[in-house]
Amino acid sequence: MKFYSLTVSKIERFNADSLAISLTIPDALRSIFCFEPGQYITFSHSVEGEEIRRSYSIASTPSDEIITVGVKEVANGMFSSYANRALKEGDVLKVAAPEGGFVLDKQAGSILAIGAGSGITPLLSIIKVALSDNPDVKVGLIYGNQSARSMMFKNSIEELSENFGNRFFAIHAFSREQGGDYFGRIDRGVILHALKNSLAGIGVPDKAYLCGPEAMIHLAKDTLLDQGVAAEHILFELFVASEDAKEINVKGLASVSVLLDGENHEIQVPKEELLLDSLLEQGIDAPYSCQGGSCSSCICKVTEGSAEMVRNQVLTDHEIASGFVLSCQAKITSKAIAVDFDNV
């Protein structure tokens, strides 16, 4: 996974624990940092000599001169704490090229976006481009926060309401204060009431984009399925994947053939280990970011043999049937396996 040095051109603080980081893209790197609305970038940062990688969704649009991400500080978050407490304009960060399949369908005539907290970040890019590029599209947003003060990108949402008031409808749910459209967390009742009232103009959405905690995503998806939205028209991006892991009992060594960046590697690895861990231990620089199964940076295709994932909230049934796995969650279940990181 290749990283490039980008300069922090602007830091905009939203509140005590969240901010937006804007990065200057040099002309020589513009083709590398082209992106689709909804994608993310991965940062590489050193903490006490140890490399950590963290992914953050892009809030800006492809037509902007910069790339902007939103970062909310989380407990024990090594990069998020650094970004919120120490990062300054003019600092240089190591950044990988944009990736991710949570992207805008430009053919959709109506869109519903549901997010909580920092989940607004990719939704904002999707909404901005949808409204700007398609004069007929209608977009509804249900956004959950603790309070108005805890919101990220509040001004950007208000600007969208001012500029596209006849096609953009924003609904706010606050869990710790009155003053929003709804009091409490986003739940089935909030979604159904919003769809039948404030968001009635969008009808049954052509596409739904969900971003936030896993419980909210599952609840929202089930609610939309009940309302007639087809499963393939509901896209989601998780903050963190479920801690529940499938037990896969495998032992012994496996022969692994790895295609990465045009080179073939032949190694032996213990089946008990996760595939990505084994590759990194043997000096193979496989791509990865979260290492928790909530992004798709480490995806590869099993072309021979078999592997099974201990958890998966990212890949679809069709992708799994086609041989794709998250290497950070995969254990080898055959004596030999071939994996391809290049053709994914």
Protein backbone atom coordinates (compact mmCIF):
# COMPACT_ATOMS: atom_id res chain seq x y z
CA MET A 1 0.00 0.00 0.00
CA LYS A 2 1.68 3.20 -1.18
CA PHE A 3 1.49 6.39 0.86
CA TYR A 4 2.05 9.96 -0.33
CA SER A 5 2.99 13.08 1.60
CA LEU A 6 0.17 15.64 1.69
CA THR A 7 0.15 18.99 3.47
CA VAL A 8 -2.63 20.01 5.85
CA SER A 9 -3.98 23.24 4.34
CA LYS A 10 -6.83 23.89 6.78
CA ILE A 11 -8.23 22.63 10.06
CA GLU A 12 -11.82 23.50 10.95
CA ARG A 13 -12.93 22.64 14.46
CA PHE A 14 -16.57 21.71 14.96
CA ASN A 15 -16.54 21.19 18.72
CA ALA A 16 -14.28 19.93 21.50
CA ASP A 17 -13.75 16.47 20.01
CA SER A 18 -14.22 16.72 16.24
CA LEU A 19 -12.77 18.64 13.32
CA ALA A 20 -12.30 18.68 9.57
CA ILE A 21 -8.85 18.25 8.02
CA SER A 22 -8.29 19.59 4.49
CA LEU A 23 -5.32 18.37 2.45
CA THR A 24 -3.65 20.07 -0.50
CA ILE A 25 -3.33 17.82 -3.56
CA PRO A 26 -0.26 18.67 -5.69
CA ASP A 27 -0.82 18.72 -9.45
CA ALA A 28 1.46 15.70 -9.86
CA LEU A 29 -0.81 13.63 -7.59
CA ARG A 30 -4.23 14.71 -8.83
CA SER A 31 -4.76 11.58 -10.91
CA ILE A 32 -3.86 9.39 -7.94
CA PHE A 33 -6.22 11.21 -5.58
CA CYS A 34 -9.24 11.25 -7.88
CA PHE A 35 -12.18 9.79 -5.98
CA GLU A 36 -15.87 9.03 -6.12
CA PRO A 37 -18.30 10.57 -3.61
CA GLY A 38 -18.45 8.29 -0.59
CA GLN A 39 -14.90 6.91 -0.72
CA TYR A 40 -12.26 7.14 2.01
CA ILE A 41 -8.52 7.67 2.41
CA THR A 42 -6.12 5.92 4.75
CA PHE A 43 -3.53 7.67 6.91
CA SER A 44 -0.28 6.12 8.08
CA HIS A 45 1.06 7.59 11.30
CA SER A 46 3.88 6.62 13.63
CA VAL A 47 3.24 6.41 17.38
CA GLU A 48 6.31 5.59 19.47
CA GLY A 49 7.92 3.96 16.46
CA GLU A 50 4.89 1.82 15.60
CA GLU A 51 2.94 2.40 12.39
CA ILE A 52 -0.80 2.76 12.71
CA ARG A 53 -3.24 3.07 9.81
CA ARG A 54 -6.65 4.64 10.04
CA SER A 55 -9.28 5.30 7.37
CA TYR A 56 -11.50 8.38 7.20
CA SER A 57 -14.25 9.16 4.74
CA ILE A 58 -14.00 12.10 2.37
CA ALA A 59 -16.48 14.94 2.90
CA SER A 60 -15.40 17.10 -0.04
CA THR A 61 -16.38 16.58 -3.68
CA PRO A 62 -14.23 15.51 -6.65
CA SER A 63 -14.43 19.02 -8.12
CA ASP A 64 -12.88 20.62 -5.03
CA GLU A 65 -9.22 21.61 -5.04
CA ILE A 66 -8.64 19.75 -1.78
CA ILE A 67 -9.60 16.56 0.03
CA THR A 68 -11.40 17.06 3.34
CA VAL A 69 -12.08 14.42 5.98
CA GLY A 70 -13.88 14.59 9.30
CA VAL A 71 -12.17 13.18 12.40
CA LYS A 72 -13.95 12.62 15.70
CA GLU A 73 -11.79 11.79 18.72
CA VAL A 74 -12.57 8.40 20.21
CA ALA A 75 -11.39 6.77 23.44
CA ASN A 76 -7.90 5.31 23.00
CA GLY A 77 -7.90 6.44 19.38
CA MET A 78 -4.23 7.00 18.60
CA PHE A 79 -4.71 8.86 15.33
CA SER A 80 -7.95 10.63 16.22
CA SER A 81 -6.39 11.93 19.46
CA TYR A 82 -3.31 13.14 17.60
CA ALA A 83 -5.44 14.84 14.95
CA ASN A 84 -7.65 16.60 17.49
CA ARG A 85 -4.92 17.60 19.95
CA ALA A 86 -1.67 18.09 18.07
CA LEU A 87 -2.13 18.35 14.32
CA LYS A 88 -1.54 21.83 12.84
CA GLU A 89 -2.02 23.52 9.51
CA GLY A 90 1.18 23.08 7.52
CA ASP A 91 1.89 19.62 8.93
CA VAL A 92 2.49 16.78 6.49
CA LEU A 93 0.58 13.50 6.64
CA LYS A 94 1.16 10.19 4.86
CA VAL A 95 -1.95 9.33 2.87
CA ALA A 96 -2.93 6.44 0.57
CA ALA A 97 -5.06 6.84 -2.55
CA PRO A 98 -8.86 6.90 -2.13
CA GLU A 99 -10.77 3.62 -2.19
CA GLY A 100 -14.07 2.04 -1.17
CA GLY A 101 -17.29 0.85 -2.78
CA PHE A 102 -19.71 3.00 -0.76
CA VAL A 103 -20.25 5.42 -3.64
CA LEU A 104 -22.93 7.56 -5.25
CA ASP A 105 -25.20 6.04 -7.87
CA LYS A 106 -25.56 9.00 -10.24
CA GLN A 107 -28.62 7.43 -11.89
CA ALA A 108 -30.71 7.51 -8.71
CA GLY A 109 -33.64 9.92 -8.86
CA SER A 110 -34.24 9.87 -5.11
CA ILE A 111 -31.81 9.22 -2.27
CA LEU A 112 -32.22 8.65 1.44
CA ALA A 113 -29.14 9.13 3.65
CA ILE A 114 -29.15 8.03 7.28
CA GLY A 115 -26.16 8.75 9.50
CA ALA A 116 -25.08 9.30 13.07
CA GLY A 117 -22.19 11.37 14.39
CA SER A 118 -19.17 11.25 12.09
CA GLY A 119 -21.20 9.04 9.75
CA ILE A 120 -22.24 12.27 8.06
CA THR A 121 -18.81 12.55 6.40
CA PRO A 122 -19.23 10.28 3.33
CA LEU A 123 -22.93 11.10 3.17
CA LEU A 124 -22.10 14.78 2.77
CA SER A 125 -19.96 14.15 -0.30
CA ILE A 126 -22.63 11.91 -1.80
CA ILE A 127 -25.40 14.44 -1.14
CA LYS A 128 -23.45 17.42 -2.49
CA VAL A 129 -22.61 15.75 -5.78
CA ALA A 130 -26.07 14.23 -6.21
CA LEU A 131 -27.75 17.61 -5.82
CA SER A 132 -25.22 19.53 -7.93
CA ASP A 133 -25.03 17.08 -10.83
CA ASN A 134 -28.68 16.08 -11.14
CA PRO A 135 -31.26 18.90 -11.18
CA ASP A 136 -34.09 16.40 -10.71
CA VAL A 137 -32.77 14.33 -7.81
CA LYS A 138 -34.40 14.60 -4.38
CA VAL A 139 -32.43 13.79 -1.23
CA GLY A 140 -33.56 13.16 2.32
CA LEU A 141 -31.16 13.09 5.27
CA ILE A 142 -31.84 11.69 8.73
CA TYR A 143 -28.93 12.69 10.97
CA GLY A 144 -28.54 11.61 14.58
CA ASN A 145 -26.40 13.32 17.23
CA GLN A 146 -26.33 13.86 20.97
CA SER A 147 -27.06 17.56 20.50
CA ALA A 148 -26.84 20.41 18.02
CA ARG A 149 -23.44 21.32 19.47
CA SER A 150 -22.03 17.84 18.82
CA MET A 151 -22.87 17.93 15.10
CA MET A 152 -20.14 17.76 12.47
CA PHE A 153 -20.44 19.79 9.26
CA LYS A 154 -23.48 21.64 10.62
CA ASN A 155 -22.82 24.70 8.44
CA SER A 156 -22.46 22.57 5.32
CA ILE A 157 -25.84 20.92 5.94
CA GLU A 158 -27.47 24.31 6.49
CA GLU A 159 -25.96 25.60 3.22
CA LEU A 160 -27.42 22.63 1.36
CA SER A 161 -30.83 23.40 2.84
CA GLU A 162 -30.54 27.02 1.72
CA ASN A 163 -29.31 26.20 -1.79
CA PHE A 164 -31.48 23.16 -2.51
CA GLY A 165 -34.46 23.71 -0.24
CA ASN A 166 -36.93 22.28 -2.74
CA ARG A 167 -34.91 19.07 -3.26
CA PHE A 168 -32.99 18.52 -0.01
CA PHE A 169 -34.74 17.71 3.26
CA ALA A 170 -32.72 17.34 6.47
CA ILE A 171 -34.14 15.73 9.62
CA HIS A 172 -32.27 15.86 12.95
CA ALA A 173 -32.59 13.53 15.93
CA PHE A 174 -30.91 14.58 19.20
CA SER A 175 -30.51 11.97 21.92
CA ARG A 176 -29.54 14.30 24.79
CA GLU A 177 -31.41 17.53 24.19
CA GLN A 178 -34.66 18.86 22.79
CA GLY A 179 -34.61 21.10 19.75
CA GLY A 180 -34.23 18.65 16.90
CA ASP A 181 -37.01 17.23 14.77
CA TYR A 182 -36.96 14.14 17.02
CA PHE A 183 -35.76 13.48 20.55
CA GLY A 184 -33.82 10.25 20.98
CA ARG A 185 -31.69 8.00 18.83
CA ILE A 186 -32.59 7.11 15.26
CA ASP A 187 -34.96 4.17 15.49
CA ARG A 188 -37.68 2.53 13.43
CA GLY A 189 -40.29 5.04 14.59
CA VAL A 190 -38.14 8.03 13.63
CA ILE A 191 -37.43 6.63 10.17
CA LEU A 192 -41.05 5.69 9.44
CA HIS A 193 -42.45 8.99 10.71
CA ALA A 194 -39.90 11.00 8.73
CA LEU A 195 -40.62 9.07 5.53
CA LYS A 196 -44.35 9.64 5.87
CA ASN A 197 -44.06 13.31 6.77
CA SER A 198 -41.04 15.57 6.23
CA LEU A 199 -39.43 13.22 3.71
CA ALA A 200 -42.63 12.17 1.94
CA GLY A 201 -41.50 14.04 -1.16
CA ILE A 202 -38.72 11.56 -1.92
CA GLY A 203 -41.09 8.57 -1.93
CA VAL A 204 -39.51 5.11 -1.82
CA PRO A 205 -35.85 6.00 -2.39
CA ASP A 206 -33.99 4.61 -5.39
CA LYS A 207 -30.90 4.35 -3.20
CA ALA A 208 -30.34 4.45 0.56
CA TYR A 209 -26.95 5.20 2.11
CA LEU A 210 -26.38 4.31 5.77
CA CYS A 211 -23.31 5.22 7.80
CA GLY A 212 -22.81 4.91 11.54
CA PRO A 213 -22.85 2.35 14.36
CA GLU A 214 -23.66 -1.22 13.42
CA ALA A 215 -26.87 -1.40 15.46
CA MET A 216 -28.28 1.69 13.75
CA ILE A 217 -27.37 0.35 10.31
CA HIS A 218 -29.09 -2.99 10.88
CA LEU A 219 -32.19 -1.28 12.27
CA ALA A 220 -32.35 1.19 9.39
CA LYS A 221 -31.79 -1.52 6.79
CA ASP A 222 -34.53 -3.74 8.21
CA THR A 223 -36.93 -0.79 8.35
CA LEU A 224 -36.27 0.15 4.72
CA LEU A 225 -36.62 -3.44 3.56
CA ASP A 226 -40.05 -3.50 5.18
CA GLN A 227 -40.92 -0.34 3.25
CA GLY A 228 -40.16 -1.93 -0.08
CA VAL A 229 -36.58 -0.79 -0.69
CA ALA A 230 -34.68 -3.61 -2.39
CA ALA A 231 -31.67 -4.96 -0.50
CA GLU A 232 -29.33 -4.23 -3.39
CA HIS A 233 -30.36 -0.56 -3.24
CA ILE A 234 -29.27 -0.19 0.40
CA LEU A 235 -25.57 0.58 0.84
CA PHE A 236 -23.88 0.95 4.20
CA GLU A 237 -20.56 1.77 5.80
CA LEU A 238 -19.72 0.80 9.36
CA PHE A 239 -17.70 2.67 11.96
CA VAL A 240 -16.57 -0.58 13.59
CA ALA A 241 -17.46 -4.16 12.75
CA SER A 242 -19.19 -6.43 15.24
CA GLU A 243 -17.05 -7.97 17.97
CA ASP A 244 -18.88 -11.28 17.47
CA ALA A 245 -16.57 -13.63 15.59
CA LYS A 246 -17.21 -17.04 14.07
CA GLU A 247 -15.02 -19.80 15.48
CA ILE A 248 -12.97 -21.45 12.74
CA ASN A 249 -10.97 -24.42 13.99
CA VAL A 250 -8.03 -25.01 11.66
CA LYS A 251 -4.50 -26.26 12.39
CA GLY A 252 -1.26 -26.88 10.62
CA LEU A 253 0.60 -25.08 7.85
CA ALA A 254 -0.73 -23.96 4.49
CA SER A 255 1.15 -23.13 1.32
CA VAL A 256 0.19 -19.65 0.12
CA SER A 257 0.76 -18.07 -3.27
CA VAL A 258 0.27 -14.30 -3.17
CA LEU A 259 -0.05 -11.97 -6.15
CA LEU A 260 0.62 -8.40 -5.02
CA ASP A 261 1.74 -5.41 -7.07
CA GLY A 262 2.59 -7.70 -9.98
CA GLU A 263 4.88 -9.95 -7.93
CA ASN A 264 4.29 -13.53 -6.81
CA HIS A 265 5.24 -14.65 -3.30
CA GLU A 266 5.34 -18.28 -2.15
CA ILE A 267 5.19 -18.74 1.61
CA GLN A 268 4.11 -21.13 4.35
CA VAL A 269 1.76 -19.82 7.04
CA PRO A 270 -0.01 -21.26 10.10
CA LYS A 271 -3.71 -21.74 9.45
CA GLU A 272 -4.57 -20.57 12.97
CA GLU A 273 -3.45 -17.03 12.10
CA LEU A 274 -5.46 -14.50 10.15
CA LEU A 275 -4.17 -14.29 6.60
CA LEU A 276 -3.21 -10.60 6.74
CA ASP A 277 -1.27 -11.07 9.99
CA SER A 278 0.73 -13.90 8.42
CA LEU A 279 1.55 -11.86 5.33
CA LEU A 280 2.72 -8.86 7.33
CA GLU A 281 4.83 -11.05 9.62
CA GLN A 282 6.65 -12.39 6.57
CA GLY A 283 7.38 -8.94 5.20
CA ILE A 284 4.71 -8.88 2.48
CA ASP A 285 3.30 -5.35 2.37
CA ALA A 286 -0.34 -6.30 1.83
CA PRO A 287 -2.81 -3.39 1.88
CA TYR A 288 -4.78 -2.82 5.06
CA SER A 289 -6.27 -0.09 7.19
CA CYS A 290 -8.69 -0.82 10.03
CA GLN A 291 -7.72 -4.50 10.56
CA GLY A 292 -11.16 -4.92 12.11
CA GLY A 293 -13.27 -5.94 9.12
CA SER A 294 -15.08 -2.62 8.76
CA CYS A 295 -13.37 -1.36 5.60
CA SER A 296 -12.36 -3.06 2.36
CA SER A 297 -8.70 -2.02 2.10
CA CYS A 298 -7.41 -5.58 2.62
CA ILE A 299 -9.74 -7.31 0.16
CA CYS A 300 -8.26 -10.05 -2.02
CA LYS A 301 -9.59 -12.84 -4.24
CA VAL A 302 -9.06 -16.51 -3.52
CA THR A 303 -8.22 -18.04 -6.92
CA GLU A 304 -7.25 -21.50 -5.63
CA GLY A 305 -8.04 -23.25 -2.36
CA SER A 306 -10.37 -21.86 0.27
CA ALA A 307 -10.58 -19.46 3.19
CA GLU A 308 -13.31 -18.46 5.61
CA MET A 309 -13.84 -15.16 7.40
CA VAL A 310 -14.32 -14.96 11.15
CA ARG A 311 -16.49 -11.87 10.66
CA ASN A 312 -17.80 -9.92 7.70
CA GLN A 313 -19.99 -6.82 7.50
CA VAL A 314 -18.52 -5.49 4.26
CA LEU A 315 -18.67 -8.05 1.45
CA THR A 316 -21.93 -9.06 -0.19
CA ASP A 317 -23.02 -12.67 -0.68
CA HIS A 318 -22.26 -12.31 -4.38
CA GLU A 319 -18.72 -11.07 -3.68
CA ILE A 320 -18.09 -13.93 -1.27
CA ALA A 321 -19.41 -16.44 -3.82
CA SER A 322 -17.00 -14.90 -6.35
CA GLY A 323 -14.07 -15.70 -4.04
CA PHE A 324 -13.44 -12.36 -2.38
CA VAL A 325 -12.38 -12.24 1.28
CA LEU A 326 -11.20 -9.63 3.77
CA SER A 327 -7.65 -10.84 4.42
CA CYS A 328 -7.71 -9.32 7.93
CA GLN A 329 -10.59 -11.65 8.80
CA ALA A 330 -9.72 -14.75 6.75
CA LYS A 331 -8.36 -18.08 7.93
CA ILE A 332 -7.14 -20.64 5.42
CA THR A 333 -9.20 -23.83 5.30
CA SER A 334 -7.28 -25.74 2.60
CA LYS A 335 -3.77 -27.18 2.40
CA ALA A 336 -2.80 -24.67 -0.28
CA ILE A 337 -4.27 -21.38 -1.39
CA ALA A 338 -3.66 -18.68 -4.00
CA VAL A 339 -4.77 -15.12 -3.34
CA ASP A 340 -4.80 -12.14 -5.69
CA PHE A 341 -4.64 -8.58 -4.32
CA ASP A 342 -4.21 -6.95 -7.73
CA ASN A 343 -7.38 -7.88 -9.60
CA VAL A 344 -10.08 -6.82 -7.13
